[in-house]
Amino acid sequence: MRFNPRHTLKNMANTMKMAKKPDRDEYQQHLRLVLLGIAGVGAIGFIIQFVFSVITYGR
């Protein structure tokens, strides 16, 4: 399968035509979910680091 720049640009243009700007409520919902995910990953990392620091301190 060969790379076809014209086909790629046409697909990109069609995607931009179909895309819409999110309204305020939708944007806030996505922002809340992203921040919750970042906080969740950070909390898991903190817990793992804390547990291992307690384990290594006890030796």
PDB file of N, CA and C in Angstrom:
ATOM      1  N   MET A   1       0.846  -1.184   0.000  1.00  0.00           N
ATOM      2  CA  MET A   1       0.000   0.000   0.000  1.00  0.00           C
ATOM      3  C   MET A   1       0.886   1.240   0.000  1.00  0.00           C
ATOM      4  N   ARG A   2       0.654   2.130  -0.941  1.00  0.00           N
ATOM      5  CA  ARG A   2       1.472   3.327  -1.069  1.00  0.00           C
ATOM      6  C   ARG A   2       0.843   4.506  -0.355  1.00  0.00           C
ATOM      7  N   PHE A   3       1.682   5.435   0.040  1.00  0.00           N
ATOM      8  CA  PHE A   3       1.227   6.675   0.657  1.00  0.00           C
ATOM      9  C   PHE A   3       0.721   7.607  -0.430  1.00  0.00           C
ATOM     10  N   ASN A   4      -0.515   8.066  -0.275  1.00  0.00           N
ATOM     11  CA  ASN A   4      -1.123   8.947  -1.257  1.00  0.00           C
ATOM     12  C   ASN A   4      -1.412  10.296  -0.583  1.00  0.00           C
ATOM     13  N   PRO A   5      -0.585  11.316  -0.835  1.00  0.00           N
ATOM     14  CA  PRO A   5      -0.773  12.608  -0.157  1.00  0.00           C
ATOM     15  C   PRO A   5      -2.117  13.264  -0.462  1.00  0.00           C
ATOM     16  N   ARG A   6      -2.594  13.134  -1.685  1.00  0.00           N
ATOM     17  CA  ARG A   6      -3.872  13.757  -2.046  1.00  0.00           C
ATOM     18  C   ARG A   6      -5.014  13.119  -1.250  1.00  0.00           C
ATOM     19  N   HIS A   7      -4.990  11.794  -1.140  1.00  0.00           N
ATOM     20  CA  HIS A   7      -6.028  11.077  -0.391  1.00  0.00           C
ATOM     21  C   HIS A   7      -5.949  11.452   1.095  1.00  0.00           C
ATOM     22  N   THR A   8      -4.740  11.560   1.618  1.00  0.00           N
ATOM     23  CA  THR A   8      -4.555  11.917   3.021  1.00  0.00           C
ATOM     24  C   THR A   8      -5.088  13.323   3.295  1.00  0.00           C
ATOM     25  N   LEU A   9      -4.767  14.271   2.423  1.00  0.00           N
ATOM     26  CA  LEU A   9      -5.263  15.639   2.614  1.00  0.00           C
ATOM     27  C   LEU A   9      -6.782  15.710   2.505  1.00  0.00           C
ATOM     28  N   LYS A  10      -7.345  14.919   1.605  1.00  0.00           N
ATOM     29  CA  LYS A  10      -8.803  14.882   1.464  1.00  0.00           C
ATOM     30  C   LYS A  10      -9.452  14.339   2.744  1.00  0.00           C
ATOM     31  N   ASN A  11      -8.860  13.288   3.315  1.00  0.00           N
ATOM     32  CA  ASN A  11      -9.376  12.745   4.572  1.00  0.00           C
ATOM     33  C   ASN A  11      -9.269  13.752   5.701  1.00  0.00           C
ATOM     34  N   MET A  12      -8.157  14.480   5.745  1.00  0.00           N
ATOM     35  CA  MET A  12      -7.982  15.498   6.782  1.00  0.00           C
ATOM     36  C   MET A  12      -9.009  16.618   6.632  1.00  0.00           C
ATOM     37  N   ALA A  13      -9.283  17.033   5.411  1.00  0.00           N
ATOM     38  CA  ALA A  13     -10.269  18.091   5.167  1.00  0.00           C
ATOM     39  C   ALA A  13     -11.668  17.624   5.568  1.00  0.00           C
ATOM     40  N   ASN A  14     -12.005  16.388   5.255  1.00  0.00           N
ATOM     41  CA  ASN A  14     -13.313  15.849   5.637  1.00  0.00           C
ATOM     42  C   ASN A  14     -13.452  15.775   7.152  1.00  0.00           C
ATOM     43  N   THR A  15     -12.372  15.403   7.831  1.00  0.00           N
ATOM     44  CA  THR A  15     -12.410  15.336   9.286  1.00  0.00           C
ATOM     45  C   THR A  15     -12.646  16.722   9.875  1.00  0.00           C
ATOM     46  N   MET A  16     -11.974  17.734   9.343  1.00  0.00           N
ATOM     47  CA  MET A  16     -12.149  19.089   9.851  1.00  0.00           C
ATOM     48  C   MET A  16     -13.562  19.615   9.588  1.00  0.00           C
ATOM     49  N   LYS A  17     -14.160  19.206   8.473  1.00  0.00           N
ATOM     50  CA  LYS A  17     -15.536  19.626   8.178  1.00  0.00           C
ATOM     51  C   LYS A  17     -16.516  19.017   9.171  1.00  0.00           C
ATOM     52  N   MET A  18     -16.255  17.764   9.580  1.00  0.00           N
ATOM     53  CA  MET A  18     -17.173  17.076  10.487  1.00  0.00           C
ATOM     54  C   MET A  18     -16.974  17.496  11.947  1.00  0.00           C
ATOM     55  N   ALA A  19     -15.786  17.994  12.280  1.00  0.00           N
ATOM     56  CA  ALA A  19     -15.477  18.345  13.666  1.00  0.00           C
ATOM     57  C   ALA A  19     -16.286  19.563  14.095  1.00  0.00           C
ATOM     58  N   LYS A  20     -16.617  19.596  15.372  1.00  0.00           N
ATOM     59  CA  LYS A  20     -17.329  20.746  15.915  1.00  0.00           C
ATOM     60  C   LYS A  20     -16.677  21.158  17.217  1.00  0.00           C
ATOM     61  N   LYS A  21     -16.785  22.426  17.536  1.00  0.00           N
ATOM     62  CA  LYS A  21     -16.234  22.939  18.784  1.00  0.00           C
ATOM     63  C   LYS A  21     -17.167  22.529  19.923  1.00  0.00           C
ATOM     64  N   PRO A  22     -16.618  21.964  20.998  1.00  0.00           N
ATOM     65  CA  PRO A  22     -17.494  21.546  22.096  1.00  0.00           C
ATOM     66  C   PRO A  22     -18.091  22.750  22.821  1.00  0.00           C
ATOM     67  N   ASP A  23     -19.308  22.579  23.316  1.00  0.00           N
ATOM     68  CA  ASP A  23     -19.892  23.657  24.102  1.00  0.00           C
ATOM     69  C   ASP A  23     -19.274  23.661  25.509  1.00  0.00           C
ATOM     70  N   ARG A  24     -19.651  24.633  26.294  1.00  0.00           N
ATOM     71  CA  ARG A  24     -19.016  24.829  27.602  1.00  0.00           C
ATOM     72  C   ARG A  24     -19.196  23.621  28.515  1.00  0.00           C
ATOM     73  N   ASP A  25     -20.399  23.051  28.567  1.00  0.00           N
ATOM     74  CA  ASP A  25     -20.664  21.908  29.444  1.00  0.00           C
ATOM     75  C   ASP A  25     -19.854  20.678  29.024  1.00  0.00           C
ATOM     76  N   GLU A  26     -19.800  20.435  27.723  1.00  0.00           N
ATOM     77  CA  GLU A  26     -19.035  19.291  27.230  1.00  0.00           C
ATOM     78  C   GLU A  26     -17.546  19.469  27.532  1.00  0.00           C
ATOM     79  N   TYR A  27     -17.040  20.679  27.360  1.00  0.00           N
ATOM     80  CA  TYR A  27     -15.634  20.968  27.644  1.00  0.00           C
ATOM     81  C   TYR A  27     -15.334  20.754  29.125  1.00  0.00           C
ATOM     82  N   GLN A  28     -16.205  21.232  29.993  1.00  0.00           N
ATOM     83  CA  GLN A  28     -15.985  21.072  31.428  1.00  0.00           C
ATOM     84  C   GLN A  28     -16.035  19.606  31.837  1.00  0.00           C
ATOM     85  N   GLN A  29     -16.916  18.832  31.212  1.00  0.00           N
ATOM     86  CA  GLN A  29     -16.997  17.408  31.529  1.00  0.00           C
ATOM     87  C   GLN A  29     -15.702  16.695  31.118  1.00  0.00           C
ATOM     88  N   HIS A  30     -15.185  16.992  29.931  1.00  0.00           N
ATOM     89  CA  HIS A  30     -13.931  16.383  29.498  1.00  0.00           C
ATOM     90  C   HIS A  30     -12.781  16.813  30.407  1.00  0.00           C
ATOM     91  N   LEU A  31     -12.744  18.091  30.768  1.00  0.00           N
ATOM     92  CA  LEU A  31     -11.695  18.589  31.642  1.00  0.00           C
ATOM     93  C   LEU A  31     -11.741  17.888  32.992  1.00  0.00           C
ATOM     94  N   ARG A  32     -12.945  17.707  33.535  1.00  0.00           N
ATOM     95  CA  ARG A  32     -13.102  17.014  34.813  1.00  0.00           C
ATOM     96  C   ARG A  32     -12.589  15.580  34.729  1.00  0.00           C
ATOM     97  N   LEU A  33     -12.939  14.883  33.641  1.00  0.00           N
ATOM     98  CA  LEU A  33     -12.493  13.505  33.482  1.00  0.00           C
ATOM     99  C   LEU A  33     -10.978  13.410  33.343  1.00  0.00           C
ATOM    100  N   VAL A  34     -10.383  14.317  32.582  1.00  0.00           N
ATOM    101  CA  VAL A  34      -8.926  14.306  32.402  1.00  0.00           C
ATOM    102  C   VAL A  34      -8.234  14.579  33.733  1.00  0.00           C
ATOM    103  N   LEU A  35      -8.696  15.576  34.469  1.00  0.00           N
ATOM    104  CA  LEU A  35      -8.083  15.900  35.762  1.00  0.00           C
ATOM    105  C   LEU A  35      -8.263  14.760  36.754  1.00  0.00           C
ATOM    106  N   LEU A  36      -9.407  14.099  36.730  1.00  0.00           N
ATOM    107  CA  LEU A  36      -9.638  12.947  37.603  1.00  0.00           C
ATOM    108  C   LEU A  36      -8.684  11.805  37.252  1.00  0.00           C
ATOM    109  N   GLY A  37      -8.457  11.591  35.968  1.00  0.00           N
ATOM    110  CA  GLY A  37      -7.519  10.552  35.545  1.00  0.00           C
ATOM    111  C   GLY A  37      -6.102  10.866  35.968  1.00  0.00           C
ATOM    112  N   ILE A  38      -5.678  12.117  35.801  1.00  0.00           N
ATOM    113  CA  ILE A  38      -4.331  12.519  36.225  1.00  0.00           C
ATOM    114  C   ILE A  38      -4.182  12.362  37.738  1.00  0.00           C
ATOM    115  N   ALA A  39      -5.197  12.779  38.488  1.00  0.00           N
ATOM    116  CA  ALA A  39      -5.143  12.645  39.944  1.00  0.00           C
ATOM    117  C   ALA A  39      -5.115  11.174  40.358  1.00  0.00           C
ATOM    118  N   GLY A  40      -5.865  10.331  39.661  1.00  0.00           N
ATOM    119  CA  GLY A  40      -5.876   8.899  39.975  1.00  0.00           C
ATOM    120  C   GLY A  40      -4.523   8.250  39.742  1.00  0.00           C
ATOM    121  N   VAL A  41      -3.911   8.558  38.610  1.00  0.00           N
ATOM    122  CA  VAL A  41      -2.589   8.001  38.314  1.00  0.00           C
ATOM    123  C   VAL A  41      -1.566   8.519  39.325  1.00  0.00           C
ATOM    124  N   GLY A  42      -1.654   9.797  39.672  1.00  0.00           N
ATOM    125  CA  GLY A  42      -0.745  10.361  40.665  1.00  0.00           C
ATOM    126  C   GLY A  42      -0.924   9.727  42.035  1.00  0.00           C
ATOM    127  N   ALA A  43      -2.166   9.477  42.419  1.00  0.00           N
ATOM    128  CA  ALA A  43      -2.429   8.847  43.710  1.00  0.00           C
ATOM    129  C   ALA A  43      -1.880   7.426  43.742  1.00  0.00           C
ATOM    130  N   ILE A  44      -2.065   6.688  42.670  1.00  0.00           N
ATOM    131  CA  ILE A  44      -1.527   5.323  42.607  1.00  0.00           C
ATOM    132  C   ILE A  44      -0.006   5.352  42.707  1.00  0.00           C
ATOM    133  N   GLY A  45       0.632   6.260  41.993  1.00  0.00           N
ATOM    134  CA  GLY A  45       2.084   6.388  42.068  1.00  0.00           C
ATOM    135  C   GLY A  45       2.550   6.770  43.462  1.00  0.00           C
ATOM    136  N   PHE A  46       1.832   7.673  44.097  1.00  0.00           N
ATOM    137  CA  PHE A  46       2.197   8.084  45.454  1.00  0.00           C
ATOM    138  C   PHE A  46       2.068   6.921  46.426  1.00  0.00           C
ATOM    139  N   ILE A  47       0.992   6.163  46.323  1.00  0.00           N
ATOM    140  CA  ILE A  47       0.781   5.021  47.221  1.00  0.00           C
ATOM    141  C   ILE A  47       1.883   3.984  47.035  1.00  0.00           C
ATOM    142  N   ILE A  48       2.234   3.689  45.787  1.00  0.00           N
ATOM    143  CA  ILE A  48       3.296   2.715  45.529  1.00  0.00           C
ATOM    144  C   ILE A  48       4.616   3.210  46.107  1.00  0.00           C
ATOM    145  N   GLN A  49       4.943   4.482  45.882  1.00  0.00           N
ATOM    146  CA  GLN A  49       6.188   5.035  46.414  1.00  0.00           C
ATOM    147  C   GLN A  49       6.174   5.015  47.941  1.00  0.00           C
ATOM    148  N   PHE A  50       5.056   5.348  48.548  1.00  0.00           N
ATOM    149  CA  PHE A  50       4.950   5.362  50.003  1.00  0.00           C
ATOM    150  C   PHE A  50       5.126   3.966  50.584  1.00  0.00           C
ATOM    151  N   VAL A  51       4.466   2.981  49.980  1.00  0.00           N
ATOM    152  CA  VAL A  51       4.564   1.599  50.465  1.00  0.00           C
ATOM    153  C   VAL A  51       6.013   1.117  50.380  1.00  0.00           C
ATOM    154  N   PHE A  52       6.679   1.360  49.265  1.00  0.00           N
ATOM    155  CA  PHE A  52       8.052   0.895  49.125  1.00  0.00           C
ATOM    156  C   PHE A  52       9.014   1.667  50.034  1.00  0.00           C
ATOM    157  N   SER A  53       8.726   2.941  50.299  1.00  0.00           N
ATOM    158  CA  SER A  53       9.592   3.668  51.217  1.00  0.00           C
ATOM    159  C   SER A  53       9.414   3.147  52.641  1.00  0.00           C
ATOM    160  N   VAL A  54       8.222   2.748  53.033  1.00  0.00           N
ATOM    161  CA  VAL A  54       7.987   2.168  54.356  1.00  0.00           C
ATOM    162  C   VAL A  54       8.673   0.805  54.442  1.00  0.00           C
ATOM    163  N   ILE A  55       8.595   0.011  53.383  1.00  0.00           N
ATOM    164  CA  ILE A  55       9.220  -1.308  53.386  1.00  0.00           C
ATOM    165  C   ILE A  55      10.740  -1.191  53.502  1.00  0.00           C
ATOM    166  N   THR A  56      11.341  -0.301  52.749  1.00  0.00           N
ATOM    167  CA  THR A  56      12.801  -0.164  52.767  1.00  0.00           C
ATOM    168  C   THR A  56      13.284   0.522  54.046  1.00  0.00           C
ATOM    169  N   TYR A  57      12.472   1.339  54.669  1.00  0.00           N
ATOM    170  CA  TYR A  57      12.851   2.002  55.915  1.00  0.00           C
ATOM    171  C   TYR A  57      12.870   0.995  57.072  1.00  0.00           C
ATOM    172  N   GLY A  58      12.001   0.003  56.999  1.00  0.00           N
ATOM    173  CA  GLY A  58      11.916  -1.000  58.062  1.00  0.00           C
ATOM    174  C   GLY A  58      13.085  -1.961  58.099  1.00  0.00           C
ATOM    175  N   ARG A  59      13.899  -2.006  57.078  1.00  0.00           N
ATOM    176  CA  ARG A  59      15.033  -2.959  57.031  1.00  0.00           C
ATOM    177  C   ARG A  59      16.205  -2.464  57.794  1.00  0.00           C
TER     178      ARG A  59
END
